[in-house]
């Protein structure tokens, strides 16, 4: 995934002209741990996130934002709402965009 933490770590490491081995040594982890993170095979521990933020000169909050954005994109946001629920929402002033309406909007672009 392009905007994943793994992609961020990989791009930032390359920007800093570090090899996976060099980053691993600075963090005190194995090269395979870096490779795993960069391939989104797992997330660094809280302590390793903190160390990464220091080495890469970014805040821990920035790293969490990357993780949160990736989680939102991978989440299943589809809902199965009954017509009664839709009617109730619309009665309370909510605008409900039905999937077929969203598809039409994207096709019109």
N, C-alpha and C. Protein backbone atom coordinates (compact mmCIF):
# COMPACT_ATOMS: atom_id res chain seq x y z
N UNK A 1 0.86 -1.17 0.00
CA UNK A 1 0.00 0.00 0.00
C UNK A 1 0.91 1.24 0.00
N UNK A 2 0.63 2.17 -0.86
CA UNK A 2 1.50 3.34 -1.07
C UNK A 2 1.62 4.22 0.17
N UNK A 3 0.58 4.45 0.90
CA UNK A 3 0.62 5.35 2.05
C UNK A 3 0.70 4.61 3.37
N UNK A 4 1.30 3.45 3.35
CA UNK A 4 1.40 2.66 4.57
C UNK A 4 2.62 3.09 5.37
N UNK A 5 2.68 2.65 6.61
CA UNK A 5 3.85 2.92 7.44
C UNK A 5 5.08 2.28 6.81
N UNK A 6 4.93 1.08 6.27
CA UNK A 6 6.05 0.41 5.63
C UNK A 6 6.63 1.23 4.49
N UNK A 7 5.76 1.77 3.66
CA UNK A 7 6.21 2.61 2.55
C UNK A 7 6.90 3.86 3.08
N UNK A 8 6.34 4.46 4.12
CA UNK A 8 6.93 5.64 4.73
C UNK A 8 8.34 5.33 5.26
N UNK A 9 8.48 4.23 5.99
CA UNK A 9 9.78 3.86 6.55
C UNK A 9 10.79 3.65 5.42
N UNK A 10 10.38 2.92 4.40
CA UNK A 10 11.27 2.65 3.28
C UNK A 10 11.71 3.93 2.59
N UNK A 11 10.77 4.80 2.27
CA UNK A 11 11.10 6.05 1.58
C UNK A 11 11.96 6.97 2.44
N UNK A 12 11.63 7.06 3.71
CA UNK A 12 12.40 7.93 4.62
C UNK A 12 13.82 7.37 4.80
N UNK A 13 13.95 6.06 4.92
CA UNK A 13 15.26 5.42 5.07
C UNK A 13 16.12 5.72 3.84
N UNK A 14 15.53 5.56 2.66
CA UNK A 14 16.27 5.83 1.42
C UNK A 14 16.64 7.30 1.31
N UNK A 15 15.73 8.19 1.71
CA UNK A 15 16.00 9.62 1.70
C UNK A 15 17.20 9.94 2.58
N UNK A 16 17.30 9.23 3.71
CA UNK A 16 18.39 9.44 4.64
C UNK A 16 19.65 8.68 4.23
N UNK A 17 19.56 7.97 3.11
CA UNK A 17 20.68 7.20 2.56
C UNK A 17 21.19 6.16 3.54
N UNK A 18 20.22 5.47 4.16
CA UNK A 18 20.55 4.37 5.08
C UNK A 18 20.15 3.06 4.42
N UNK A 19 20.94 2.03 4.65
CA UNK A 19 20.52 0.70 4.23
C UNK A 19 19.61 0.12 5.32
N UNK A 20 18.95 -0.96 5.00
CA UNK A 20 18.15 -1.63 6.02
C UNK A 20 19.04 -2.07 7.17
N UNK A 21 20.23 -2.53 6.86
CA UNK A 21 21.16 -2.98 7.89
C UNK A 21 21.57 -1.83 8.81
N UNK A 22 21.84 -0.66 8.22
CA UNK A 22 22.26 0.49 9.03
C UNK A 22 21.12 0.96 9.95
N UNK A 23 19.91 1.01 9.40
CA UNK A 23 18.76 1.41 10.22
C UNK A 23 18.54 0.39 11.33
N UNK A 24 18.63 -0.88 10.98
CA UNK A 24 18.45 -1.94 11.98
C UNK A 24 19.47 -1.80 13.11
N UNK A 25 20.71 -1.51 12.74
CA UNK A 25 21.76 -1.37 13.76
C UNK A 25 21.46 -0.18 14.68
N UNK A 26 21.03 0.94 14.10
CA UNK A 26 20.70 2.11 14.93
C UNK A 26 19.53 1.84 15.87
N UNK A 27 18.57 1.03 15.40
CA UNK A 27 17.40 0.72 16.22
C UNK A 27 17.65 -0.42 17.21
N UNK A 28 18.66 -1.21 16.92
CA UNK A 28 18.92 -2.37 17.76
C UNK A 28 17.98 -3.53 17.44
N UNK A 29 17.60 -3.64 16.16
CA UNK A 29 16.76 -4.75 15.70
C UNK A 29 17.46 -5.43 14.54
N UNK A 30 16.89 -6.52 14.06
CA UNK A 30 17.49 -7.22 12.93
C UNK A 30 17.10 -6.57 11.61
N UNK A 31 17.92 -6.83 10.59
CA UNK A 31 17.61 -6.33 9.24
C UNK A 31 16.28 -6.91 8.77
N UNK A 32 15.99 -8.15 9.16
CA UNK A 32 14.73 -8.77 8.74
C UNK A 32 13.52 -8.07 9.37
N UNK A 33 13.70 -7.47 10.55
CA UNK A 33 12.60 -6.71 11.16
C UNK A 33 12.30 -5.48 10.31
N UNK A 34 13.34 -4.79 9.86
CA UNK A 34 13.15 -3.62 9.00
C UNK A 34 12.46 -4.04 7.71
N UNK A 35 12.95 -5.12 7.10
CA UNK A 35 12.35 -5.60 5.85
C UNK A 35 10.87 -5.95 6.06
N UNK A 36 10.57 -6.58 7.17
CA UNK A 36 9.19 -6.96 7.48
C UNK A 36 8.30 -5.72 7.61
N UNK A 37 8.78 -4.71 8.35
CA UNK A 37 8.00 -3.48 8.51
C UNK A 37 7.78 -2.80 7.17
N UNK A 38 8.84 -2.75 6.35
CA UNK A 38 8.74 -2.06 5.07
C UNK A 38 7.78 -2.77 4.11
N UNK A 39 7.58 -4.06 4.31
CA UNK A 39 6.63 -4.81 3.48
C UNK A 39 5.27 -4.92 4.14
N UNK A 40 5.04 -4.13 5.19
CA UNK A 40 3.79 -4.12 5.93
C UNK A 40 3.43 -5.49 6.50
N UNK A 41 4.47 -6.22 6.90
CA UNK A 41 4.27 -7.52 7.52
C UNK A 41 4.06 -7.43 9.01
N UNK A 42 4.07 -6.24 9.53
CA UNK A 42 3.87 -6.02 10.96
C UNK A 42 4.21 -4.58 11.29
N UNK A 43 3.92 -4.21 12.52
CA UNK A 43 4.20 -2.85 12.98
C UNK A 43 5.29 -2.89 14.05
N UNK A 44 6.12 -1.86 14.07
CA UNK A 44 7.12 -1.77 15.14
C UNK A 44 6.43 -1.62 16.50
N UNK A 45 7.09 -2.07 17.55
CA UNK A 45 6.58 -1.88 18.90
C UNK A 45 6.56 -0.39 19.23
N UNK A 46 5.91 -0.05 20.30
CA UNK A 46 5.84 1.35 20.74
C UNK A 46 7.25 1.92 20.95
N UNK A 47 8.11 1.14 21.59
CA UNK A 47 9.49 1.61 21.82
C UNK A 47 10.24 1.80 20.50
N UNK A 48 10.04 0.88 19.57
CA UNK A 48 10.71 1.01 18.28
C UNK A 48 10.13 2.16 17.45
N UNK A 49 8.84 2.43 17.60
CA UNK A 49 8.26 3.61 16.93
C UNK A 49 8.92 4.88 17.45
N UNK A 50 9.12 4.95 18.76
CA UNK A 50 9.76 6.12 19.36
C UNK A 50 11.18 6.26 18.83
N UNK A 51 11.92 5.15 18.80
CA UNK A 51 13.30 5.20 18.29
C UNK A 51 13.32 5.59 16.81
N UNK A 52 12.39 5.02 16.04
CA UNK A 52 12.29 5.37 14.62
C UNK A 52 12.05 6.86 14.44
N UNK A 53 11.15 7.40 15.24
CA UNK A 53 10.84 8.82 15.11
C UNK A 53 12.08 9.67 15.38
N UNK A 54 12.88 9.27 16.35
CA UNK A 54 14.10 10.02 16.67
C UNK A 54 15.12 9.91 15.55
N UNK A 55 15.33 8.70 15.06
CA UNK A 55 16.32 8.48 13.99
C UNK A 55 15.89 9.18 12.70
N UNK A 56 14.60 9.09 12.38
CA UNK A 56 14.10 9.64 11.12
C UNK A 56 13.70 11.11 11.23
N UNK A 57 13.85 11.68 12.42
CA UNK A 57 13.55 13.08 12.66
C UNK A 57 12.10 13.43 12.29
N UNK A 58 11.19 12.59 12.73
CA UNK A 58 9.76 12.84 12.60
C UNK A 58 9.14 12.59 13.98
N UNK A 59 7.95 13.09 14.18
CA UNK A 59 7.33 12.87 15.49
C UNK A 59 6.63 11.51 15.53
N UNK A 60 6.47 11.00 16.73
CA UNK A 60 5.70 9.76 16.90
C UNK A 60 4.28 9.99 16.40
N UNK A 61 3.74 11.18 16.63
CA UNK A 61 2.39 11.50 16.15
C UNK A 61 2.31 11.37 14.63
N UNK A 62 3.35 11.82 13.92
CA UNK A 62 3.37 11.68 12.46
C UNK A 62 3.31 10.21 12.06
N UNK A 63 4.05 9.37 12.75
CA UNK A 63 4.03 7.94 12.44
C UNK A 63 2.65 7.35 12.72
N UNK A 64 2.03 7.78 13.81
CA UNK A 64 0.68 7.29 14.13
C UNK A 64 -0.33 7.74 13.09
N UNK A 65 -0.16 8.96 12.57
CA UNK A 65 -1.08 9.44 11.52
C UNK A 65 -0.98 8.56 10.27
N UNK A 66 0.24 8.16 9.92
CA UNK A 66 0.42 7.28 8.76
C UNK A 66 -0.28 5.95 9.02
N UNK A 67 -0.11 5.41 10.22
CA UNK A 67 -0.76 4.14 10.57
C UNK A 67 -2.27 4.29 10.53
N UNK A 68 -2.80 5.37 11.11
CA UNK A 68 -4.25 5.59 11.16
C UNK A 68 -4.84 5.72 9.77
N UNK A 69 -4.15 6.44 8.87
CA UNK A 69 -4.66 6.59 7.49
C UNK A 69 -4.71 5.24 6.79
N UNK A 70 -3.70 4.43 6.99
CA UNK A 70 -3.67 3.11 6.37
C UNK A 70 -4.80 2.23 6.92
N UNK A 71 -5.06 2.33 8.23
CA UNK A 71 -6.13 1.54 8.84
C UNK A 71 -7.48 1.93 8.28
N UNK A 72 -7.69 3.23 8.07
CA UNK A 72 -8.98 3.70 7.54
C UNK A 72 -9.18 3.17 6.13
N UNK A 73 -8.13 3.22 5.31
CA UNK A 73 -8.25 2.76 3.93
C UNK A 73 -8.52 1.26 3.85
N UNK A 74 -7.97 0.50 4.78
CA UNK A 74 -8.15 -0.94 4.71
C UNK A 74 -9.42 -1.41 5.42
N UNK A 75 -10.07 -0.53 6.14
CA UNK A 75 -11.29 -0.93 6.86
C UNK A 75 -12.44 -1.15 5.89
N UNK A 76 -13.32 -2.04 6.24
CA UNK A 76 -14.53 -2.28 5.45
C UNK A 76 -15.57 -1.26 5.90
N UNK A 77 -15.79 -0.28 5.05
CA UNK A 77 -16.70 0.79 5.41
C UNK A 77 -18.10 0.58 4.87
N UNK A 78 -18.37 -0.57 4.28
CA UNK A 78 -19.70 -0.82 3.76
C UNK A 78 -20.65 -1.15 4.91
N UNK A 79 -21.86 -0.66 4.80
CA UNK A 79 -22.87 -0.89 5.82
C UNK A 79 -24.11 -1.46 5.17
N UNK A 80 -24.81 -2.25 5.91
CA UNK A 80 -26.08 -2.76 5.43
C UNK A 80 -27.17 -2.11 6.28
N UNK A 81 -27.73 -1.02 5.75
CA UNK A 81 -28.73 -0.26 6.50
C UNK A 81 -30.10 -0.53 5.88
N UNK A 82 -31.04 -0.83 6.73
CA UNK A 82 -32.39 -1.12 6.25
C UNK A 82 -33.10 0.16 5.80
N UNK A 83 -34.10 0.04 4.94
CA UNK A 83 -34.86 1.22 4.50
C UNK A 83 -35.46 2.00 5.68
N UNK A 84 -35.85 1.31 6.75
CA UNK A 84 -36.41 2.00 7.92
C UNK A 84 -35.37 2.91 8.57
N UNK A 85 -34.15 2.44 8.67
CA UNK A 85 -33.09 3.25 9.26
C UNK A 85 -32.80 4.46 8.37
N UNK A 86 -32.76 4.24 7.06
CA UNK A 86 -32.54 5.35 6.13
C UNK A 86 -33.64 6.39 6.27
N UNK A 87 -34.88 5.95 6.33
CA UNK A 87 -36.01 6.88 6.47
C UNK A 87 -35.89 7.67 7.77
N UNK A 88 -35.51 7.02 8.85
CA UNK A 88 -35.36 7.71 10.13
C UNK A 88 -34.25 8.74 10.06
N UNK A 89 -33.13 8.38 9.47
CA UNK A 89 -32.02 9.32 9.33
C UNK A 89 -32.45 10.54 8.51
N UNK A 90 -33.14 10.29 7.40
CA UNK A 90 -33.57 11.39 6.55
C UNK A 90 -34.60 12.27 7.26
N UNK A 91 -35.46 11.68 8.09
CA UNK A 91 -36.43 12.47 8.85
C UNK A 91 -35.73 13.41 9.84
N UNK A 92 -34.54 13.03 10.28
CA UNK A 92 -33.80 13.85 11.24
C UNK A 92 -32.82 14.80 10.52
N UNK A 93 -32.96 14.92 9.22
CA UNK A 93 -32.16 15.89 8.48
C UNK A 93 -30.85 15.38 7.91
N UNK A 94 -30.56 14.10 8.07
CA UNK A 94 -29.33 13.56 7.50
C UNK A 94 -29.52 13.27 6.02
N UNK A 95 -28.48 13.51 5.23
CA UNK A 95 -28.52 13.15 3.82
C UNK A 95 -27.84 11.79 3.70
N UNK A 96 -28.58 10.83 3.19
CA UNK A 96 -28.06 9.49 3.03
C UNK A 96 -27.69 9.31 1.56
N UNK A 97 -26.43 9.01 1.31
CA UNK A 97 -25.98 8.75 -0.05
C UNK A 97 -25.98 7.24 -0.25
N UNK A 98 -26.83 6.81 -1.11
CA UNK A 98 -26.95 5.38 -1.38
C UNK A 98 -25.82 4.94 -2.31
N UNK A 99 -25.38 3.71 -2.20
CA UNK A 99 -24.26 3.24 -3.03
C UNK A 99 -24.47 3.48 -4.53
N UNK A 100 -25.70 3.28 -5.00
CA UNK A 100 -25.93 3.49 -6.43
C UNK A 100 -25.77 4.96 -6.81
N UNK A 101 -26.09 5.89 -5.90
CA UNK A 101 -25.89 7.32 -6.15
C UNK A 101 -24.39 7.64 -6.21
N UNK A 102 -23.64 7.07 -5.33
CA UNK A 102 -22.18 7.31 -5.28
C UNK A 102 -21.54 6.78 -6.56
N UNK A 103 -21.96 5.62 -7.03
CA UNK A 103 -21.43 5.05 -8.26
C UNK A 103 -21.71 5.97 -9.43
N UNK A 104 -22.94 6.48 -9.49
CA UNK A 104 -23.31 7.38 -10.59
C UNK A 104 -22.47 8.65 -10.55
N UNK A 105 -22.22 9.19 -9.37
CA UNK A 105 -21.41 10.41 -9.24
C UNK A 105 -20.00 10.16 -9.78
N UNK A 106 -19.42 9.02 -9.46
CA UNK A 106 -18.06 8.72 -9.91
C UNK A 106 -18.04 8.48 -11.41
N UNK A 107 -19.07 7.88 -11.96
CA UNK A 107 -19.12 7.63 -13.40
C UNK A 107 -19.29 8.92 -14.17
N UNK A 108 -19.98 9.92 -13.58
CA UNK A 108 -20.21 11.20 -14.24
C UNK A 108 -18.96 12.05 -14.32
N UNK A 109 -17.97 11.76 -13.49
CA UNK A 109 -16.75 12.59 -13.45
C UNK A 109 -15.89 12.40 -14.66
